[in-house]
Amino acid sequence: MTTDDQAAAHRAHLERLCADGRPLTAHSRYATTQNPGSFNVKRQQPRHERRSLHNEILAAVVAAHPEVLRNRKAIVLAGGPGNPPRRTR
């Protein structure tokens, strides 16, 4: 199987998993928001233990990479690549 074939097969598999009622949808029983052990379903927010874990992971990443700016700004680019300028004679 070629790399293109593998990528196509992988994509098809993920698309099947993301279809309505399948495991990778937001309302799947496997979704965090559907797991009362990790998420307070009535309040629609993570439980204290999960929030603490996320804060711990974030603090470790920030400490490991202090040079990375955290100013809540993003640059979003869209569209195809530009063409290089043409040479004229």
PDB file of N, CA and C in Angstrom:
ATOM      1  N   MET A   1       0.850  -1.178   0.000  1.00  0.00           N
ATOM      2  CA  MET A   1       0.000   0.000   0.000  1.00  0.00           C
ATOM      3  C   MET A   1       0.895   1.240   0.000  1.00  0.00           C
ATOM      4  N   THR A   2       0.601   2.197  -0.866  1.00  0.00           N
ATOM      5  CA  THR A   2       1.393   3.420  -0.952  1.00  0.00           C
ATOM      6  C   THR A   2       1.028   4.379   0.172  1.00  0.00           C
ATOM      7  N   THR A   3       1.834   5.390   0.331  1.00  0.00           N
ATOM      8  CA  THR A   3       1.555   6.397   1.355  1.00  0.00           C
ATOM      9  C   THR A   3       0.213   7.070   1.095  1.00  0.00           C
ATOM     10  N   ASP A   4      -0.084   7.381  -0.169  1.00  0.00           N
ATOM     11  CA  ASP A   4      -1.382   7.985  -0.496  1.00  0.00           C
ATOM     12  C   ASP A   4      -2.528   7.048  -0.155  1.00  0.00           C
ATOM     13  N   ASP A   5      -2.351   5.774  -0.433  1.00  0.00           N
ATOM     14  CA  ASP A   5      -3.388   4.786  -0.100  1.00  0.00           C
ATOM     15  C   ASP A   5      -3.573   4.685   1.410  1.00  0.00           C
ATOM     16  N   GLN A   6      -2.463   4.712   2.138  1.00  0.00           N
ATOM     17  CA  GLN A   6      -2.540   4.638   3.597  1.00  0.00           C
ATOM     18  C   GLN A   6      -3.259   5.862   4.162  1.00  0.00           C
ATOM     19  N   ALA A   7      -2.940   7.032   3.622  1.00  0.00           N
ATOM     20  CA  ALA A   7      -3.585   8.262   4.089  1.00  0.00           C
ATOM     21  C   ALA A   7      -5.078   8.218   3.800  1.00  0.00           C
ATOM     22  N   ALA A   8      -5.460   7.741   2.619  1.00  0.00           N
ATOM     23  CA  ALA A   8      -6.873   7.651   2.261  1.00  0.00           C
ATOM     24  C   ALA A   8      -7.607   6.665   3.163  1.00  0.00           C
ATOM     25  N   ALA A   9      -6.982   5.534   3.457  1.00  0.00           N
ATOM     26  CA  ALA A   9      -7.595   4.532   4.331  1.00  0.00           C
ATOM     27  C   ALA A   9      -7.749   5.085   5.745  1.00  0.00           C
ATOM     28  N   HIS A  10      -6.743   5.796   6.220  1.00  0.00           N
ATOM     29  CA  HIS A  10      -6.783   6.394   7.554  1.00  0.00           C
ATOM     30  C   HIS A  10      -7.892   7.440   7.631  1.00  0.00           C
ATOM     31  N   ARG A  11      -7.978   8.278   6.609  1.00  0.00           N
ATOM     32  CA  ARG A  11      -9.022   9.304   6.577  1.00  0.00           C
ATOM     33  C   ARG A  11     -10.411   8.660   6.585  1.00  0.00           C
ATOM     34  N   ALA A  12     -10.607   7.630   5.776  1.00  0.00           N
ATOM     35  CA  ALA A  12     -11.900   6.951   5.723  1.00  0.00           C
ATOM     36  C   ALA A  12     -12.260   6.354   7.085  1.00  0.00           C
ATOM     37  N   HIS A  13     -11.269   5.776   7.751  1.00  0.00           N
ATOM     38  CA  HIS A  13     -11.492   5.199   9.077  1.00  0.00           C
ATOM     39  C   HIS A  13     -11.917   6.286  10.069  1.00  0.00           C
ATOM     40  N   LEU A  14     -11.224   7.428  10.061  1.00  0.00           N
ATOM     41  CA  LEU A  14     -11.584   8.525  10.963  1.00  0.00           C
ATOM     42  C   LEU A  14     -12.964   9.079  10.645  1.00  0.00           C
ATOM     43  N   GLU A  15     -13.289   9.177   9.363  1.00  0.00           N
ATOM     44  CA  GLU A  15     -14.616   9.662   8.985  1.00  0.00           C
ATOM     45  C   GLU A  15     -15.708   8.730   9.504  1.00  0.00           C
ATOM     46  N   ARG A  16     -15.452   7.425   9.465  1.00  0.00           N
ATOM     47  CA  ARG A  16     -16.437   6.478  10.007  1.00  0.00           C
ATOM     48  C   ARG A  16     -16.588   6.674  11.513  1.00  0.00           C
ATOM     49  N   LEU A  17     -15.480   6.892  12.219  1.00  0.00           N
ATOM     50  CA  LEU A  17     -15.527   7.081  13.667  1.00  0.00           C
ATOM     51  C   LEU A  17     -16.209   8.387  14.062  1.00  0.00           C
ATOM     52  N   CYS A  18     -16.221   9.370  13.148  1.00  0.00           N
ATOM     53  CA  CYS A  18     -16.819  10.675  13.424  1.00  0.00           C
ATOM     54  C   CYS A  18     -18.279  10.781  12.994  1.00  0.00           C
ATOM     55  N   ALA A  19     -18.803   9.741  12.394  1.00  0.00           N
ATOM     56  CA  ALA A  19     -20.198   9.765  11.943  1.00  0.00           C
ATOM     57  C   ALA A  19     -21.138   9.778  13.151  1.00  0.00           C
ATOM     58  N   ASP A  20     -22.365  10.266  12.944  1.00  0.00           N
ATOM     59  CA  ASP A  20     -23.348  10.337  14.031  1.00  0.00           C
ATOM     60  C   ASP A  20     -23.442   9.015  14.784  1.00  0.00           C
ATOM     61  N   GLY A  21     -23.395   9.131  16.112  1.00  0.00           N
ATOM     62  CA  GLY A  21     -23.537   7.958  16.963  1.00  0.00           C
ATOM     63  C   GLY A  21     -22.252   7.161  17.159  1.00  0.00           C
ATOM     64  N   ARG A  22     -21.174   7.557  16.520  1.00  0.00           N
ATOM     65  CA  ARG A  22     -19.912   6.824  16.630  1.00  0.00           C
ATOM     66  C   ARG A  22     -19.036   7.413  17.741  1.00  0.00           C
ATOM     67  N   PRO A  23     -17.913   6.762  18.091  1.00  0.00           N
ATOM     68  CA  PRO A  23     -17.132   7.124  19.272  1.00  0.00           C
ATOM     69  C   PRO A  23     -16.480   8.513  19.275  1.00  0.00           C
ATOM     70  N   LEU A  24     -16.231   9.141  18.132  1.00  0.00           N
ATOM     71  CA  LEU A  24     -15.527  10.418  18.145  1.00  0.00           C
ATOM     72  C   LEU A  24     -16.441  11.638  18.037  1.00  0.00           C
ATOM     73  N   THR A  25     -17.712  11.474  18.312  1.00  0.00           N
ATOM     74  CA  THR A  25     -18.625  12.616  18.292  1.00  0.00           C
ATOM     75  C   THR A  25     -18.712  13.241  19.681  1.00  0.00           C
ATOM     76  N   ALA A  26     -19.158  14.485  19.746  1.00  0.00           N
ATOM     77  CA  ALA A  26     -19.251  15.205  21.022  1.00  0.00           C
ATOM     78  C   ALA A  26     -20.217  14.551  22.001  1.00  0.00           C
ATOM     79  N   HIS A  27     -21.198  13.831  21.489  1.00  0.00           N
ATOM     80  CA  HIS A  27     -22.196  13.221  22.367  1.00  0.00           C
ATOM     81  C   HIS A  27     -21.973  11.725  22.586  1.00  0.00           C
ATOM     82  N   SER A  28     -20.818  11.236  22.158  1.00  0.00           N
ATOM     83  CA  SER A  28     -20.469   9.836  22.375  1.00  0.00           C
ATOM     84  C   SER A  28     -20.318   9.578  23.866  1.00  0.00           C
ATOM     85  N   ARG A  29     -20.600   8.375  24.278  1.00  0.00           N
ATOM     86  CA  ARG A  29     -20.402   8.042  25.699  1.00  0.00           C
ATOM     87  C   ARG A  29     -18.930   8.099  26.086  1.00  0.00           C
ATOM     88  N   TYR A  30     -18.032   8.157  25.091  1.00  0.00           N
ATOM     89  CA  TYR A  30     -16.593   8.247  25.356  1.00  0.00           C
ATOM     90  C   TYR A  30     -16.106   9.689  25.475  1.00  0.00           C
ATOM     91  N   ALA A  31     -16.935  10.666  25.118  1.00  0.00           N
ATOM     92  CA  ALA A  31     -16.539  12.070  25.185  1.00  0.00           C
ATOM     93  C   ALA A  31     -16.390  12.499  26.643  1.00  0.00           C
ATOM     94  N   THR A  32     -15.405  13.347  26.922  1.00  0.00           N
ATOM     95  CA  THR A  32     -15.182  13.836  28.277  1.00  0.00           C
ATOM     96  C   THR A  32     -16.446  14.452  28.852  1.00  0.00           C
ATOM     97  N   THR A  33     -17.154  15.214  28.030  1.00  0.00           N
ATOM     98  CA  THR A  33     -18.356  15.898  28.522  1.00  0.00           C
ATOM     99  C   THR A  33     -19.494  14.948  28.869  1.00  0.00           C
ATOM    100  N   GLN A  34     -19.354  13.686  28.533  1.00  0.00           N
ATOM    101  CA  GLN A  34     -20.368  12.683  28.861  1.00  0.00           C
ATOM    102  C   GLN A  34     -19.915  11.783  30.010  1.00  0.00           C
ATOM    103  N   ASN A  35     -18.733  12.052  30.557  1.00  0.00           N
ATOM    104  CA  ASN A  35     -18.162  11.210  31.603  1.00  0.00           C
ATOM    105  C   ASN A  35     -18.317  11.896  32.963  1.00  0.00           C
ATOM    106  N   PRO A  36     -19.277  11.476  33.784  1.00  0.00           N
ATOM    107  CA  PRO A  36     -19.501  12.136  35.070  1.00  0.00           C
ATOM    108  C   PRO A  36     -18.310  12.058  36.017  1.00  0.00           C
ATOM    109  N   GLY A  37     -17.396  11.134  35.784  1.00  0.00           N
ATOM    110  CA  GLY A  37     -16.213  11.059  36.637  1.00  0.00           C
ATOM    111  C   GLY A  37     -15.232  12.197  36.382  1.00  0.00           C
ATOM    112  N   SER A  38     -15.248  12.750  35.184  1.00  0.00           N
ATOM    113  CA  SER A  38     -14.328  13.822  34.816  1.00  0.00           C
ATOM    114  C   SER A  38     -15.032  15.154  34.608  1.00  0.00           C
ATOM    115  N   PHE A  39     -16.330  15.098  34.377  1.00  0.00           N
ATOM    116  CA  PHE A  39     -17.045  16.298  33.959  1.00  0.00           C
ATOM    117  C   PHE A  39     -18.382  16.382  34.674  1.00  0.00           C
ATOM    118  N   ASN A  40     -18.679  17.546  35.250  1.00  0.00           N
ATOM    119  CA  ASN A  40     -19.971  17.753  35.888  1.00  0.00           C
ATOM    120  C   ASN A  40     -20.971  18.054  34.768  1.00  0.00           C
ATOM    121  N   VAL A  41     -21.720  17.042  34.396  1.00  0.00           N
ATOM    122  CA  VAL A  41     -22.622  17.133  33.252  1.00  0.00           C
ATOM    123  C   VAL A  41     -23.700  18.191  33.483  1.00  0.00           C
ATOM    124  N   LYS A  42     -24.229  18.298  34.702  1.00  0.00           N
ATOM    125  CA  LYS A  42     -25.275  19.285  34.988  1.00  0.00           C
ATOM    126  C   LYS A  42     -24.752  20.710  34.877  1.00  0.00           C
ATOM    127  N   ARG A  43     -23.559  20.960  35.388  1.00  0.00           N
ATOM    128  CA  ARG A  43     -22.972  22.307  35.343  1.00  0.00           C
ATOM    129  C   ARG A  43     -22.221  22.592  34.041  1.00  0.00           C
ATOM    130  N   GLN A  44     -21.989  21.552  33.261  1.00  0.00           N
ATOM    131  CA  GLN A  44     -21.254  21.660  32.001  1.00  0.00           C
ATOM    132  C   GLN A  44     -19.853  22.261  32.200  1.00  0.00           C
ATOM    133  N   GLN A  45     -19.121  21.674  33.162  1.00  0.00           N
ATOM    134  CA  GLN A  45     -17.748  22.099  33.403  1.00  0.00           C
ATOM    135  C   GLN A  45     -16.939  20.942  33.973  1.00  0.00           C
ATOM    136  N   PRO A  46     -15.623  20.974  33.752  1.00  0.00           N
ATOM    137  CA  PRO A  46     -14.788  19.889  34.267  1.00  0.00           C
ATOM    138  C   PRO A  46     -14.790  19.863  35.796  1.00  0.00           C
ATOM    139  N   ARG A  47     -14.634  18.680  36.340  1.00  0.00           N
ATOM    140  CA  ARG A  47     -14.534  18.543  37.790  1.00  0.00           C
ATOM    141  C   ARG A  47     -13.194  19.096  38.267  1.00  0.00           C
ATOM    142  N   HIS A  48     -13.123  19.389  39.550  1.00  0.00           N
ATOM    143  CA  HIS A  48     -11.927  20.003  40.138  1.00  0.00           C
ATOM    144  C   HIS A  48     -10.655  19.212  39.813  1.00  0.00           C
ATOM    145  N   GLU A  49     -10.704  17.890  39.924  1.00  0.00           N
ATOM    146  CA  GLU A  49      -9.520  17.061  39.691  1.00  0.00           C
ATOM    147  C   GLU A  49      -9.020  17.202  38.247  1.00  0.00           C
ATOM    148  N   ARG A  50      -9.954  17.217  37.308  1.00  0.00           N
ATOM    149  CA  ARG A  50      -9.576  17.344  35.894  1.00  0.00           C
ATOM    150  C   ARG A  50      -9.018  18.733  35.616  1.00  0.00           C
ATOM    151  N   ARG A  51      -9.672  19.757  36.142  1.00  0.00           N
ATOM    152  CA  ARG A  51      -9.183  21.116  35.958  1.00  0.00           C
ATOM    153  C   ARG A  51      -7.785  21.263  36.564  1.00  0.00           C
ATOM    154  N   SER A  52      -7.561  20.676  37.728  1.00  0.00           N
ATOM    155  CA  SER A  52      -6.242  20.727  38.376  1.00  0.00           C
ATOM    156  C   SER A  52      -5.185  20.039  37.517  1.00  0.00           C
ATOM    157  N   LEU A  53      -5.533  18.893  36.940  1.00  0.00           N
ATOM    158  CA  LEU A  53      -4.603  18.184  36.063  1.00  0.00           C
ATOM    159  C   LEU A  53      -4.250  19.043  34.849  1.00  0.00           C
ATOM    160  N   HIS A  54      -5.257  19.662  34.229  1.00  0.00           N
ATOM    161  CA  HIS A  54      -4.997  20.523  33.076  1.00  0.00           C
ATOM    162  C   HIS A  54      -4.095  21.687  33.457  1.00  0.00           C
ATOM    163  N   ASN A  55      -4.348  22.301  34.613  1.00  0.00           N
ATOM    164  CA  ASN A  55      -3.509  23.410  35.078  1.00  0.00           C
ATOM    165  C   ASN A  55      -2.080  22.954  35.332  1.00  0.00           C
ATOM    166  N   GLU A  56      -1.918  21.764  35.876  1.00  0.00           N
ATOM    167  CA  GLU A  56      -0.587  21.205  36.133  1.00  0.00           C
ATOM    168  C   GLU A  56       0.166  20.960  34.824  1.00  0.00           C
ATOM    169  N   ILE A  57      -0.515  20.393  33.841  1.00  0.00           N
ATOM    170  CA  ILE A  57       0.107  20.137  32.535  1.00  0.00           C
ATOM    171  C   ILE A  57       0.491  21.455  31.874  1.00  0.00           C
ATOM    172  N   LEU A  58      -0.412  22.429  31.894  1.00  0.00           N
ATOM    173  CA  LEU A  58      -0.136  23.730  31.288  1.00  0.00           C
ATOM    174  C   LEU A  58       1.045  24.409  31.974  1.00  0.00           C
ATOM    175  N   ALA A  59       1.096  24.366  33.298  1.00  0.00           N
ATOM    176  CA  ALA A  59       2.205  24.979  34.036  1.00  0.00           C
ATOM    177  C   ALA A  59       3.535  24.320  33.674  1.00  0.00           C
ATOM    178  N   ALA A  60       3.536  23.004  33.494  1.00  0.00           N
ATOM    179  CA  ALA A  60       4.765  22.297  33.123  1.00  0.00           C
ATOM    180  C   ALA A  60       5.227  22.698  31.726  1.00  0.00           C
ATOM    181  N   VAL A  61       4.307  22.830  30.795  1.00  0.00           N
ATOM    182  CA  VAL A  61       4.667  23.231  29.423  1.00  0.00           C
ATOM    183  C   VAL A  61       5.192  24.660  29.417  1.00  0.00           C
ATOM    184  N   VAL A  62       4.523  25.556  30.129  1.00  0.00           N
ATOM    185  CA  VAL A  62       4.955  26.953  30.195  1.00  0.00           C
ATOM    186  C   VAL A  62       6.341  27.050  30.831  1.00  0.00           C
ATOM    187  N   ALA A  63       6.580  26.296  31.897  1.00  0.00           N
ATOM    188  CA  ALA A  63       7.890  26.317  32.566  1.00  0.00           C
ATOM    189  C   ALA A  63       8.987  25.773  31.661  1.00  0.00           C
ATOM    190  N   ALA A  64       8.661  24.781  30.847  1.00  0.00           N
ATOM    191  CA  ALA A  64       9.649  24.178  29.950  1.00  0.00           C
ATOM    192  C   ALA A  64       9.956  25.069  28.752  1.00  0.00           C
ATOM    193  N   HIS A  65       9.044  25.995  28.428  1.00  0.00           N
ATOM    194  CA  HIS A  65       9.213  26.853  27.243  1.00  0.00           C
ATOM    195  C   HIS A  65       8.910  28.313  27.594  1.00  0.00           C
ATOM    196  N   PRO A  66       9.721  28.925  28.460  1.00  0.00           N
ATOM    197  CA  PRO A  66       9.418  30.294  28.897  1.00  0.00           C
ATOM    198  C   PRO A  66       9.553  31.332  27.785  1.00  0.00           C
ATOM    199  N   GLU A  67      10.237  30.983  26.710  1.00  0.00           N
ATOM    200  CA  GLU A  67      10.444  31.935  25.614  1.00  0.00           C
ATOM    201  C   GLU A  67       9.207  32.113  24.738  1.00  0.00           C
ATOM    202  N   VAL A  68       8.237  31.233  24.871  1.00  0.00           N
ATOM    203  CA  VAL A  68       7.035  31.301  24.049  1.00  0.00           C
ATOM    204  C   VAL A  68       6.087  32.351  24.624  1.00  0.00           C
ATOM    205  N   LEU A  69       5.664  33.286  23.768  1.00  0.00           N
ATOM    206  CA  LEU A  69       4.746  34.332  24.206  1.00  0.00           C
ATOM    207  C   LEU A  69       3.378  33.737  24.539  1.00  0.00           C
ATOM    208  N   ARG A  70       2.763  34.287  25.547  1.00  0.00           N
ATOM    209  CA  ARG A  70       1.421  33.860  25.939  1.00  0.00           C
ATOM    210  C   ARG A  70       0.532  35.092  26.044  1.00  0.00           C
ATOM    211  N   ASN A  71       0.412  35.804  24.943  1.00  0.00           N
ATOM    212  CA  ASN A  71      -0.356  37.045  24.953  1.00  0.00           C
ATOM    213  C   ASN A  71      -1.729  36.886  24.306  1.00  0.00           C
ATOM    214  N   ARG A  72      -2.169  35.652  24.130  1.00  0.00           N
ATOM    215  CA  ARG A  72      -3.498  35.332  23.619  1.00  0.00           C
ATOM    216  C   ARG A  72      -3.775  35.962  22.252  1.00  0.00           C
ATOM    217  N   LYS A  73      -2.775  35.947  21.415  1.00  0.00           N
ATOM    218  CA  LYS A  73      -2.933  36.427  20.051  1.00  0.00           C
ATOM    219  C   LYS A  73      -2.574  35.287  19.111  1.00  0.00           C
ATOM    220  N   ALA A  74      -3.208  35.289  17.948  1.00  0.00           N
ATOM    221  CA  ALA A  74      -2.924  34.259  16.957  1.00  0.00           C
ATOM    222  C   ALA A  74      -2.917  34.892  15.580  1.00  0.00           C
ATOM    223  N   ILE A  75      -2.143  34.295  14.702  1.00  0.00           N
ATOM    224  CA  ILE A  75      -2.148  34.686  13.301  1.00  0.00           C
ATOM    225  C   ILE A  75      -2.776  33.520  12.549  1.00  0.00           C
ATOM    226  N   VAL A  76      -3.863  33.784  11.871  1.00  0.00           N
ATOM    227  CA  VAL A  76      -4.565  32.742  11.133  1.00  0.00           C
ATOM    228  C   VAL A  76      -4.418  33.038   9.647  1.00  0.00           C
ATOM    229  N   LEU A  77      -3.875  32.092   8.931  1.00  0.00           N
ATOM    230  CA  LEU A  77      -3.682  32.238   7.498  1.00  0.00           C
ATOM    231  C   LEU A  77      -4.589  31.253   6.780  1.00  0.00           C
ATOM    232  N   ALA A  78      -5.102  31.663   5.643  1.00  0.00           N
ATOM    233  CA  ALA A  78      -5.956  30.770   4.874  1.00  0.00           C
ATOM    234  C   ALA A  78      -5.691  30.981   3.395  1.00  0.00           C
ATOM    235  N   GLY A  79      -6.041  29.997   2.620  1.00  0.00           N
ATOM    236  CA  GLY A  79      -5.877  30.107   1.178  1.00  0.00           C
ATOM    237  C   GLY A  79      -4.662  29.343   0.703  1.00  0.00           C
ATOM    238  N   GLY A  80      -4.558  29.254  -0.581  1.00  0.00           N
ATOM    239  CA  GLY A  80      -3.446  28.532  -1.186  1.00  0.00           C
ATOM    240  C   GLY A  80      -2.158  29.347  -1.147  1.00  0.00           C
ATOM    241  N   PRO A  81      -1.052  28.704  -1.422  1.00  0.00           N
ATOM    242  CA  PRO A  81       0.217  29.431  -1.419  1.00  0.00           C
ATOM    243  C   PRO A  81       0.254  30.436  -2.562  1.00  0.00           C
ATOM    244  N   GLY A  82       0.953  31.530  -2.341  1.00  0.00           N
ATOM    245  CA  GLY A  82       1.094  32.550  -3.387  1.00  0.00           C
ATOM    246  C   GLY A  82       2.090  32.107  -4.439  1.00  0.00           C
ATOM    247  N   ASN A  83       1.972  32.651  -5.589  1.00  0.00           N
ATOM    248  CA  ASN A  83       2.921  32.358  -6.667  1.00  0.00           C
ATOM    249  C   ASN A  83       4.098  33.317  -6.568  1.00  0.00           C
ATOM    250  N   PRO A  84       5.290  32.842  -6.862  1.00  0.00           N
ATOM    251  CA  PRO A  84       6.437  33.756  -6.853  1.00  0.00           C
ATOM    252  C   PRO A  84       6.292  34.765  -7.981  1.00  0.00           C
ATOM    253  N   PRO A  85       6.880  35.948  -7.840  1.00  0.00           N
ATOM    254  CA  PRO A  85       6.780  36.946  -8.900  1.00  0.00           C
ATOM    255  C   PRO A  85       7.413  36.419 -10.198  1.00  0.00           C
ATOM    256  N   ARG A  86       6.825  36.800 -11.299  1.00  0.00           N
ATOM    257  CA  ARG A  86       7.369  36.378 -12.597  1.00  0.00           C
ATOM    258  C   ARG A  86       8.477  37.338 -13.010  1.00  0.00           C
ATOM    259  N   ARG A  87       9.465  36.780 -13.646  1.00  0.00           N
ATOM    260  CA  ARG A  87      10.547  37.606 -14.176  1.00  0.00           C
ATOM    261  C   ARG A  87      10.124  38.158 -15.521  1.00  0.00           C
ATOM    262  N   THR A  88      10.335  39.393 -15.692  1.00  0.00           N
ATOM    263  CA  THR A  88      10.048  39.993 -17.004  1.00  0.00           C
ATOM    264  C   THR A  88      11.367  40.400 -17.626  1.00  0.00           C
ATOM    265  N   ARG A  89      11.401  40.366 -18.936  1.00  0.00           N
ATOM    266  CA  ARG A  89      12.647  40.731 -19.633  1.00  0.00           C
ATOM    267  C   ARG A  89      12.510  42.057 -20.285  1.00  0.00           C
TER     268      ARG A  89
END
